[in-house]
Amino acid sequence: MTRYKRFILLILIFLLFTAVSPIIVFYVQGYRFDFQQMFFFRTGGIYLQTTPKKAQIFLNNKSLKNDTPLLINGLLPKNFHIKITKENFYPWEKYIKIESGLVSEAKNIILAPDKIQENLLFSPATKIYPSPSKNYGLIIAENDIIIINEEKKYSISPQNTFQKEQVAYAIKNNQIAWTDNEMKIIAYNKQDNYILDFSEQTITHFLIKNSELKKSDTDGFIQPLQIQWHPTINNSIMFIYDNRLYAYNLRDKKSSILTNNAIYYKTISLAFNSYTYYMDSMGFIRRYNFITQNDEKLSEIPLDYNNGDELLITPDQKKIAFWDQKNRKLFLMSSGNVKIINDLDFAQFTSDSKKILYGNKNKVWVFFMEDDNEYPQKRQGTTEELASSDNGNIDNALWHITNRHIWILADDLYFTEMDNRPPRNTYTILNNILSDIFINNGVIYYLRDDTLYYSDIFP
């Protein structure tokens, strides 16, 4: 080849490289050319992640070769219909908008099993009372008091009919307190107090004398209110009497006053600190630190306390809510601000302390106390409706462990997602169950026809 021809070839290669290079760069960056409208556009993508994994994906009714989890790139900026299937599970589907240069996400997909095996656990059972951790269910049987789960069962036989009636009354009226390991319960009714030790299968009756309390020299026995186990001292309890919050040692019968001004309280135990939250006689919420003995005021508005009202506290202890059950109101307090929610029958914070679920017989909502940056993103202060019932038969709603899904009990048990991109996937899990349910470690416990069942469900 002559020098001239080599020169011409070099020029052609250079011109070809100059023309093709921008196209390659644009292509790598996700740009495509629309020959119909004659302009460049940038593609987007979507990331799909499911529990369980290895589910089949259909994109606009076309099956893809790879299963979940999967990142799909090079998609036109428009709406796509996504359907995900797996044998023995309900299908999941959603319309997802792909935006230019961005990756949309649907990474909290839980595929619900289309069949649930039901296992009989105990019968007869007309009511079940879950322990605080939901590890046990407490049952009042014909002759025994029982705590039970799918692996263990402990029972205690009251010594006589009177004792059985006293303990049963306390349990039915939520006048009980569990130890941290949930193997002991205090049941209290008027002046009679009982310690149920399920590991030893014993019931111990005790009374508290007026003379054992500080600032009290009268004879007779007291009727302590709101008994709880002391969070930092073994074999000790706390209770309210005469608007004072006492700590009381069960062994030496000695007492101390934590505050002279309390009408309601709730204790929280942490690794390095333990607190009691209490309402004073003026209706203000306060917090007492057992370690530092610091007492601080948390609420700025006075509240009215009635028997059955409850203080809800987020796990990070940065937000509290006072639930006025008599007037069906929730006072949500955070950083000095108060949000009042009316007409509610149930409420529950998420374990990440960022959202609160609440509702009544007709509707279920979620309120975002902080920004939610997962798809679809929500701003702090947003309220969103999750479910509604024309029959007014919603009994309760509970967070799933993911904090992105909800259990709804309305005659049947439903499982739904927080993702409101259409359609919202909702599944019927169990039919015809009572409002007494609790869920722990992937196992659901529920009542139907005076029988306690359990079923292994998805994580």
Protein backbone atom coordinates (compact mmCIF):
# COMPACT_ATOMS: atom_id res chain seq x y z
CA MET A 1 0.00 0.00 0.00
CA THR A 2 1.36 3.38 -1.01
CA ARG A 3 1.99 6.17 1.44
CA TYR A 4 -0.88 8.16 -0.04
CA LYS A 5 -3.37 5.30 0.41
CA ARG A 6 -2.23 4.79 4.01
CA PHE A 7 -2.78 8.47 4.66
CA ILE A 8 -6.30 8.35 3.19
CA LEU A 9 -7.10 5.23 5.27
CA LEU A 10 -5.87 6.95 8.44
CA ILE A 11 -8.05 9.97 7.70
CA LEU A 12 -11.11 7.73 7.16
CA ILE A 13 -10.47 5.84 10.41
CA PHE A 14 -10.13 9.14 12.27
CA LEU A 15 -13.34 10.49 10.80
CA LEU A 16 -15.17 7.25 11.61
CA PHE A 17 -13.87 7.33 15.18
CA THR A 18 -14.88 10.97 15.55
CA ALA A 19 -18.40 10.18 14.33
CA VAL A 20 -18.92 6.95 16.27
CA SER A 21 -17.32 7.89 19.62
CA PRO A 22 -20.09 10.27 20.78
CA ILE A 23 -22.68 7.68 19.82
CA ILE A 24 -20.91 5.02 21.91
CA VAL A 25 -20.54 7.40 24.85
CA PHE A 26 -24.20 8.39 24.62
CA TYR A 27 -25.23 4.74 24.41
CA VAL A 28 -23.16 3.76 27.46
CA GLN A 29 -24.74 6.65 29.40
CA GLY A 30 -28.20 5.32 28.54
CA TYR A 31 -29.12 7.60 25.62
CA ARG A 32 -31.15 6.28 22.70
CA PHE A 33 -32.48 7.86 19.51
CA ASP A 34 -36.20 7.97 18.74
CA PHE A 35 -36.45 7.72 14.96
CA GLN A 36 -40.17 8.53 14.97
CA GLN A 37 -39.83 11.81 16.86
CA MET A 38 -36.21 12.35 15.78
CA PHE A 39 -34.55 13.17 19.14
CA PHE A 40 -32.26 11.61 21.73
CA PHE A 41 -33.64 10.49 25.08
CA ARG A 42 -32.07 8.93 28.16
CA THR A 43 -33.29 5.53 29.38
CA GLY A 44 -34.02 4.51 32.97
CA GLY A 45 -34.11 1.30 34.92
CA ILE A 46 -35.87 -0.60 37.68
CA TYR A 47 -34.58 -2.75 40.53
CA LEU A 48 -36.81 -5.59 41.75
CA GLN A 49 -36.20 -7.57 44.93
CA THR A 50 -38.55 -10.17 46.40
CA THR A 51 -38.97 -12.37 49.45
CA PRO A 52 -38.60 -15.22 48.67
CA LYS A 53 -36.00 -14.84 45.92
CA LYS A 54 -35.89 -16.42 42.43
CA ALA A 55 -39.35 -15.31 41.33
CA GLN A 56 -40.24 -14.98 37.66
CA ILE A 57 -40.59 -11.47 36.20
CA PHE A 58 -42.96 -10.35 33.46
CA LEU A 59 -42.31 -6.95 31.90
CA ASN A 60 -45.36 -5.76 29.96
CA ASN A 61 -46.50 -9.41 29.82
CA LYS A 62 -43.14 -10.56 28.45
CA SER A 63 -41.25 -13.10 30.57
CA LEU A 64 -37.63 -12.20 31.35
CA LYS A 65 -34.80 -14.72 31.42
CA ASN A 66 -33.47 -13.75 34.85
CA ASP A 67 -35.30 -14.07 38.18
CA THR A 68 -35.38 -11.76 41.18
CA PRO A 69 -33.44 -9.94 42.46
CA LEU A 70 -32.81 -8.13 39.18
CA LEU A 71 -31.75 -4.72 37.85
CA ILE A 72 -33.35 -3.99 34.47
CA ASN A 73 -31.64 -1.24 32.49
CA GLY A 74 -32.29 0.45 29.15
CA LEU A 75 -36.02 1.06 29.64
CA LEU A 76 -37.92 3.82 27.91
CA PRO A 77 -39.15 6.61 30.22
CA LYS A 78 -42.79 5.54 30.52
CA ASN A 79 -45.07 3.33 32.63
CA PHE A 80 -44.36 -0.40 32.70
CA HIS A 81 -46.56 -3.19 33.99
CA ILE A 82 -44.56 -5.50 36.26
CA LYS A 83 -45.85 -8.91 37.26
CA ILE A 84 -43.96 -11.33 39.50
CA THR A 85 -44.95 -14.97 40.02
CA LYS A 86 -43.69 -17.96 41.96
CA GLU A 87 -45.21 -21.37 42.47
CA ASN A 88 -47.34 -21.66 45.66
CA PHE A 89 -47.50 -17.87 46.04
CA TYR A 90 -49.98 -15.21 45.01
CA PRO A 91 -48.82 -13.09 42.03
CA TRP A 92 -47.61 -9.54 42.65
CA GLU A 93 -48.13 -6.80 40.10
CA LYS A 94 -47.73 -3.06 39.78
CA TYR A 95 -47.49 -0.23 37.26
CA ILE A 96 -44.17 1.53 37.73
CA LYS A 97 -43.11 4.75 36.07
CA ILE A 98 -39.61 4.73 34.61
CA GLU A 99 -37.95 8.15 34.61
CA SER A 100 -35.16 9.32 32.37
CA GLY A 101 -31.72 8.68 33.85
CA LEU A 102 -33.06 7.20 37.09
CA VAL A 103 -33.52 3.73 38.56
CA SER A 104 -36.94 3.11 40.12
CA GLU A 105 -37.21 0.56 42.91
CA ALA A 106 -39.57 -2.08 44.19
CA LYS A 107 -37.32 -3.82 46.68
CA ASN A 108 -39.80 -4.55 49.48
CA ILE A 109 -41.87 -7.10 47.62
CA ILE A 110 -43.18 -9.91 49.81
CA LEU A 111 -44.88 -12.74 47.96
CA ALA A 112 -47.74 -14.12 50.05
CA PRO A 113 -48.28 -17.90 50.09
CA ASP A 114 -51.56 -18.95 48.50
CA LYS A 115 -52.08 -21.71 51.10
CA ILE A 116 -51.45 -21.61 54.86
CA GLN A 117 -51.23 -24.75 56.97
CA GLU A 118 -53.27 -24.41 60.16
CA ASN A 119 -52.07 -26.22 63.28
CA LEU A 120 -54.28 -26.80 66.33
CA LEU A 121 -52.49 -25.70 69.50
CA PHE A 122 -55.03 -25.65 72.34
CA SER A 123 -58.74 -26.13 72.96
CA PRO A 124 -60.99 -24.88 74.41
CA ALA A 125 -59.76 -21.26 74.39
CA THR A 126 -62.17 -18.34 74.34
CA LYS A 127 -59.60 -15.56 74.77
CA ILE A 128 -55.85 -15.20 74.35
CA TYR A 129 -53.67 -12.55 75.98
CA PRO A 130 -50.24 -12.12 74.32
CA SER A 131 -47.12 -11.45 76.37
CA PRO A 132 -45.31 -8.12 75.72
CA SER A 133 -42.79 -9.70 73.31
CA LYS A 134 -45.56 -11.80 71.70
CA ASN A 135 -43.53 -14.90 72.59
CA TYR A 136 -46.35 -16.48 74.63
CA GLY A 137 -50.10 -16.49 74.69
CA LEU A 138 -51.80 -16.45 78.10
CA ILE A 139 -54.96 -18.55 78.38
CA ILE A 140 -57.48 -19.01 81.16
CA ALA A 141 -58.36 -22.71 80.90
CA GLU A 142 -61.02 -24.56 82.84
CA ASN A 143 -58.74 -25.48 85.74
CA ASP A 144 -55.37 -23.91 84.86
CA ILE A 145 -53.65 -20.69 83.86
CA ILE A 146 -51.49 -21.44 80.82
CA ILE A 147 -48.81 -19.71 78.77
CA ILE A 148 -48.13 -21.37 75.46
CA ASN A 149 -46.46 -21.14 72.07
CA GLU A 150 -45.78 -23.63 69.30
CA GLU A 151 -42.81 -25.13 71.18
CA LYS A 152 -43.56 -24.78 74.89
CA LYS A 153 -46.46 -24.92 77.30
CA TYR A 154 -46.48 -24.03 81.00
CA SER A 155 -49.48 -24.37 83.29
CA ILE A 156 -50.34 -23.43 86.85
CA SER A 157 -53.28 -24.76 88.83
CA PRO A 158 -54.83 -22.24 91.28
CA GLN A 159 -55.22 -23.59 94.81
CA ASN A 160 -58.96 -22.95 95.04
CA THR A 161 -61.93 -21.46 93.22
CA PHE A 162 -61.55 -18.04 94.86
CA GLN A 163 -57.92 -17.79 93.79
CA LYS A 164 -58.80 -18.85 90.24
CA GLU A 165 -61.53 -16.20 90.05
CA GLN A 166 -59.23 -13.50 91.41
CA VAL A 167 -56.45 -14.27 88.93
CA ALA A 168 -58.88 -14.64 86.03
CA TYR A 169 -60.47 -11.27 86.81
CA ALA A 170 -57.07 -9.59 86.90
CA ILE A 171 -56.06 -11.11 83.55
CA LYS A 172 -59.33 -10.16 81.85
CA ASN A 173 -59.01 -6.57 83.07
CA ASN A 174 -55.35 -6.22 82.12
CA GLN A 175 -54.29 -5.97 85.76
CA ILE A 176 -51.14 -8.01 85.20
CA ALA A 177 -47.41 -7.38 84.75
CA TRP A 178 -44.83 -9.66 83.09
CA THR A 179 -41.16 -10.05 83.96
CA ASP A 180 -38.61 -9.48 81.18
CA ASN A 181 -38.17 -13.23 80.61
CA GLU A 182 -41.99 -13.60 80.67
CA MET A 183 -41.90 -16.56 83.06
CA LYS A 184 -43.49 -14.65 85.94
CA ILE A 185 -46.67 -12.62 86.12
CA ILE A 186 -48.11 -10.45 88.84
CA ALA A 187 -51.91 -10.42 88.84
CA TYR A 188 -53.59 -7.93 91.15
CA ASN A 189 -57.21 -7.39 92.16
CA LYS A 190 -58.01 -4.87 94.89
CA GLN A 191 -55.74 -5.74 97.86
CA ASP A 192 -54.99 -9.30 96.71
CA ASN A 193 -51.81 -9.76 94.67
CA TYR A 194 -50.54 -12.99 93.12
CA ILE A 195 -47.19 -13.96 91.62
CA LEU A 196 -47.54 -16.69 89.00
CA ASP A 197 -44.19 -18.40 88.47
CA PHE A 198 -44.61 -20.62 85.42
CA SER A 199 -41.11 -22.11 85.58
CA GLU A 200 -41.80 -23.33 89.15
CA GLN A 201 -45.54 -23.84 88.55
CA THR A 202 -46.45 -21.93 91.71
CA ILE A 203 -48.81 -19.15 92.76
CA THR A 204 -47.81 -16.93 95.67
CA HIS A 205 -50.30 -14.60 97.33
CA PHE A 206 -49.11 -11.42 99.02
CA LEU A 207 -50.55 -8.29 100.60
CA ILE A 208 -49.01 -4.87 101.12
CA LYS A 209 -49.55 -3.25 104.50
CA ASN A 210 -50.20 0.43 104.87
CA SER A 211 -47.49 0.59 107.51
CA GLU A 212 -44.90 -0.67 104.97
CA LEU A 213 -45.24 2.49 102.91
CA LYS A 214 -43.39 5.67 103.60
CA LYS A 215 -45.62 8.58 104.67
CA SER A 216 -48.24 6.12 105.85
CA ASP A 217 -48.65 4.94 109.45
CA THR A 218 -52.17 3.52 109.33
CA ASP A 219 -53.04 -0.15 109.70
CA GLY A 220 -54.69 -2.43 107.14
CA PHE A 221 -53.82 -3.40 103.59
CA ILE A 222 -53.68 -1.15 100.54
CA GLN A 223 -55.10 -1.58 97.05
CA PRO A 224 -52.10 -0.83 94.79
CA LEU A 225 -52.77 0.39 91.27
CA GLN A 226 -50.87 -0.30 88.03
CA ILE A 227 -48.39 -2.80 89.49
CA GLN A 228 -45.29 -3.36 87.33
CA TRP A 229 -41.98 -5.13 87.91
CA HIS A 230 -39.16 -2.77 88.78
CA PRO A 231 -36.84 -2.46 85.74
CA THR A 232 -33.54 -2.30 87.68
CA ILE A 233 -34.06 -3.98 91.08
CA ASN A 234 -34.71 -7.73 91.35
CA ASN A 235 -37.71 -8.97 93.34
CA SER A 236 -39.12 -5.47 93.43
CA ILE A 237 -42.26 -3.93 92.02
CA MET A 238 -43.66 -0.48 91.37
CA PHE A 239 -47.19 0.75 91.89
CA ILE A 240 -49.31 3.83 92.43
CA TYR A 241 -51.09 4.46 95.71
CA ASP A 242 -52.59 7.73 96.89
CA ASN A 243 -51.13 9.53 93.82
CA ARG A 244 -47.61 8.47 94.76
CA LEU A 245 -45.37 6.21 92.70
CA TYR A 246 -43.72 3.63 94.96
CA ALA A 247 -40.90 1.13 94.59
CA TYR A 248 -41.45 -1.89 96.85
CA ASN A 249 -39.12 -4.78 97.68
CA LEU A 250 -41.00 -8.07 97.92
CA ARG A 251 -38.36 -9.66 100.18
CA ASP A 252 -37.71 -7.09 102.89
CA LYS A 253 -41.11 -5.34 102.53
CA LYS A 254 -39.44 -1.93 102.31
CA SER A 255 -40.65 0.87 100.07
CA SER A 256 -39.42 4.15 98.61
CA ILE A 257 -41.24 7.00 96.88
CA LEU A 258 -40.14 7.82 93.34
CA THR A 259 -42.53 10.74 92.94
CA ASN A 260 -45.25 12.23 95.09
CA ASN A 261 -47.35 13.21 92.10
CA ALA A 262 -48.35 10.41 89.68
CA ILE A 263 -51.68 9.11 88.41
CA TYR A 264 -50.35 6.88 85.58
CA TYR A 265 -46.94 5.51 84.58
CA LYS A 266 -45.11 3.18 82.22
CA THR A 267 -41.56 1.82 82.54
CA ILE A 268 -39.01 1.29 79.77
CA SER A 269 -35.85 -0.80 80.22
CA LEU A 270 -32.76 -0.21 78.08
CA ALA A 271 -29.21 -1.54 78.13
CA PHE A 272 -27.73 1.53 79.85
CA ASN A 273 -30.76 3.42 81.16
CA SER A 274 -34.21 2.70 82.48
CA TYR A 275 -37.03 5.20 82.59
CA THR A 276 -40.51 5.58 83.90
CA TYR A 277 -42.88 7.82 82.00
CA TYR A 278 -45.67 9.13 84.15
CA MET A 279 -48.54 11.58 84.16
CA ASP A 280 -48.70 14.00 87.07
CA SER A 281 -51.89 15.20 88.72
CA MET A 282 -51.96 18.25 86.41
CA GLY A 283 -52.07 15.99 83.36
CA PHE A 284 -48.51 16.58 82.11
CA ILE A 285 -46.31 13.71 80.87
CA ARG A 286 -42.95 13.46 82.62
CA ARG A 287 -39.94 11.12 82.44
CA TYR A 288 -37.90 9.87 85.40
CA ASN A 289 -34.43 8.35 84.89
CA PHE A 290 -33.70 5.57 87.41
CA ILE A 291 -29.92 5.98 86.99
CA THR A 292 -29.52 9.76 87.14
CA GLN A 293 -32.80 10.37 89.02
CA ASN A 294 -33.44 13.21 86.59
CA ASP A 295 -37.12 14.16 86.20
CA GLU A 296 -38.10 16.07 83.04
CA LYS A 297 -41.36 17.41 81.66
CA LEU A 298 -42.19 16.12 78.16
CA SER A 299 -45.63 17.52 77.29
CA GLU A 300 -46.79 21.12 77.08
CA ILE A 301 -50.52 20.54 77.25
CA PRO A 302 -52.45 18.94 80.13
CA LEU A 303 -54.24 15.67 79.40
CA ASP A 304 -57.06 13.82 81.14
CA TYR A 305 -56.38 10.26 82.29
CA ASN A 306 -59.11 7.60 82.46
CA ASN A 307 -58.73 3.95 83.33
CA GLY A 308 -57.64 2.10 80.17
CA ASP A 309 -55.78 5.03 78.60
CA GLU A 310 -52.28 4.20 77.38
CA LEU A 311 -48.98 5.91 76.71
CA LEU A 312 -47.26 4.76 73.51
CA ILE A 313 -43.48 5.26 73.23
CA THR A 314 -41.30 4.81 70.15
CA PRO A 315 -38.35 2.41 70.52
CA ASP A 316 -35.89 5.31 70.20
CA GLN A 317 -37.87 7.18 72.91
CA LYS A 318 -37.90 10.39 70.85
CA LYS A 319 -41.66 10.40 70.29
CA ILE A 320 -44.59 9.60 72.55
CA ALA A 321 -48.33 9.41 72.05
CA PHE A 322 -51.07 9.48 74.66
CA TRP A 323 -54.05 7.37 73.67
CA ASP A 324 -57.29 8.64 75.20
CA GLN A 325 -59.37 5.51 74.64
CA LYS A 326 -62.52 6.91 76.23
CA ASN A 327 -62.68 9.82 73.77
CA ARG A 328 -60.95 7.88 70.96
CA LYS A 329 -58.18 10.48 70.58
CA LEU A 330 -54.43 10.20 70.12
CA PHE A 331 -52.08 13.00 71.16
CA LEU A 332 -48.86 12.52 69.20
CA MET A 333 -45.95 14.47 70.72
CA SER A 334 -42.58 15.06 69.08
CA SER A 335 -40.03 17.89 69.46
CA GLY A 336 -42.54 20.08 71.28
CA ASN A 337 -45.23 19.66 68.64
CA VAL A 338 -48.59 17.97 69.25
CA LYS A 339 -50.75 16.33 66.58
CA ILE A 340 -54.26 15.30 67.62
CA ILE A 341 -55.80 12.34 65.80
CA ASN A 342 -59.53 11.74 66.32
CA ASP A 343 -61.86 8.75 65.95
CA LEU A 344 -59.38 5.93 66.35
CA ASP A 345 -59.68 2.47 67.91
CA PHE A 346 -56.08 1.22 67.56
CA ALA A 347 -52.59 2.63 67.06
CA GLN A 348 -49.03 1.28 66.80
CA PHE A 349 -45.58 2.78 66.18
CA THR A 350 -43.15 1.11 63.80
CA SER A 351 -40.05 -0.53 65.24
CA ASP A 352 -37.90 2.07 63.40
CA SER A 353 -39.79 4.90 65.18
CA LYS A 354 -40.58 6.68 61.91
CA LYS A 355 -44.28 5.96 61.34
CA ILE A 356 -47.47 5.35 63.25
CA LEU A 357 -50.33 3.13 62.11
CA TYR A 358 -53.83 3.90 63.35
CA GLY A 359 -57.45 3.39 62.40
CA ASN A 360 -61.03 2.60 63.30
CA LYS A 361 -63.80 0.28 62.14
CA ASN A 362 -63.92 1.94 58.72
CA LYS A 363 -60.39 2.96 57.74
CA VAL A 364 -56.68 2.42 58.36
CA TRP A 365 -54.08 5.18 57.94
CA VAL A 366 -50.34 5.66 58.31
CA PHE A 367 -48.76 8.94 59.42
CA PHE A 368 -45.13 9.64 58.46
CA MET A 369 -43.34 11.23 61.40
CA GLU A 370 -40.10 11.46 59.39
CA ASP A 371 -39.20 11.60 55.70
CA ASP A 372 -39.43 8.21 54.01
CA ASN A 373 -36.85 8.02 51.24
CA GLU A 374 -37.75 4.57 49.97
CA TYR A 375 -39.93 4.28 46.85
CA PRO A 376 -42.52 5.71 46.75
CA GLN A 377 -41.03 8.54 48.81
CA LYS A 378 -43.11 10.36 51.44
CA ARG A 379 -42.48 13.62 53.22
CA GLN A 380 -42.65 14.13 56.98
CA GLY A 381 -46.21 15.02 58.03
CA THR A 382 -47.89 13.01 55.25
CA THR A 383 -51.00 10.96 56.12
CA GLU A 384 -52.01 8.14 53.77
CA GLU A 385 -55.03 5.87 53.77
CA LEU A 386 -54.09 2.20 53.58
CA ALA A 387 -57.42 0.39 53.73
CA SER A 388 -61.16 0.95 54.09
CA SER A 389 -64.22 -1.17 54.81
CA ASP A 390 -67.78 -0.49 53.69
CA ASN A 391 -69.03 -2.91 56.36
CA GLY A 392 -67.22 -1.19 59.24
CA ASN A 393 -65.68 -4.47 60.37
CA ILE A 394 -62.01 -3.56 60.82
CA ASP A 395 -60.96 -4.79 64.27
CA ASN A 396 -57.25 -4.08 64.23
CA ALA A 397 -54.18 -3.39 62.13
CA LEU A 398 -50.59 -4.38 62.95
CA TRP A 399 -47.21 -3.64 61.43
CA HIS A 400 -45.36 -6.48 59.76
CA ILE A 401 -41.70 -6.84 60.78
CA THR A 402 -40.57 -5.05 57.58
CA ASN A 403 -42.36 -1.81 58.59
CA ARG A 404 -43.46 -1.69 54.93
CA HIS A 405 -46.41 -4.09 55.18
CA ILE A 406 -49.51 -4.30 57.36
CA TRP A 407 -51.75 -7.01 58.78
CA ILE A 408 -55.43 -6.04 58.82
CA LEU A 409 -58.01 -7.97 60.78
CA ALA A 410 -61.57 -7.59 59.51
CA ASP A 411 -63.33 -10.93 60.10
CA ASP A 412 -60.61 -12.37 57.87
CA LEU A 413 -56.88 -11.66 58.08
CA TYR A 414 -55.41 -9.59 55.23
CA PHE A 415 -51.86 -8.72 54.29
CA THR A 416 -51.22 -5.49 52.38
CA GLU A 417 -48.32 -3.30 51.33
CA MET A 418 -47.56 0.36 52.00
CA ASP A 419 -46.49 0.95 48.37
CA ASN A 420 -49.42 2.89 46.89
CA ARG A 421 -48.34 2.67 43.25
CA PRO A 422 -51.30 0.98 41.56
CA PRO A 423 -52.48 -1.58 42.22
CA ARG A 424 -51.90 -1.99 45.96
CA ASN A 425 -51.41 -5.72 46.49
CA THR A 426 -53.65 -7.10 49.25
CA TYR A 427 -54.08 -10.79 50.04
CA THR A 428 -56.47 -12.82 52.17
CA ILE A 429 -54.32 -15.00 54.43
CA LEU A 430 -56.79 -16.60 56.86
CA ASN A 431 -60.58 -16.72 56.95
CA ASN A 432 -63.05 -16.35 59.80
CA ILE A 433 -60.81 -15.61 62.76
CA LEU A 434 -61.43 -13.62 65.94
CA SER A 435 -59.72 -10.36 66.85
CA ASP A 436 -57.36 -12.17 69.25
CA ILE A 437 -54.18 -12.62 67.19
CA PHE A 438 -50.49 -12.08 67.75
CA ILE A 439 -47.47 -12.66 65.55
CA ASN A 440 -43.94 -13.59 66.57
CA ASN A 441 -40.91 -14.84 64.62
CA GLY A 442 -42.88 -15.76 61.52
CA VAL A 443 -45.64 -17.56 63.45
CA ILE A 444 -49.20 -16.26 63.80
CA TYR A 445 -51.44 -17.34 66.68
CA TYR A 446 -55.21 -16.90 66.35
CA LEU A 447 -58.57 -18.07 67.65
CA ARG A 448 -61.38 -19.66 65.72
CA ASP A 449 -64.41 -21.46 67.22
CA ASP A 450 -62.94 -21.60 70.76
CA THR A 451 -59.72 -23.16 69.47
CA LEU A 452 -56.22 -21.71 69.40
CA TYR A 453 -54.31 -22.30 66.16
CA TYR A 454 -50.91 -21.33 64.88
CA SER A 455 -49.54 -21.09 61.35
CA ASP A 456 -46.05 -20.54 60.00
CA ILE A 457 -46.15 -17.52 57.75
CA PHE A 458 -43.65 -15.62 55.66
CA PRO A 459 -40.94 -13.54 57.39
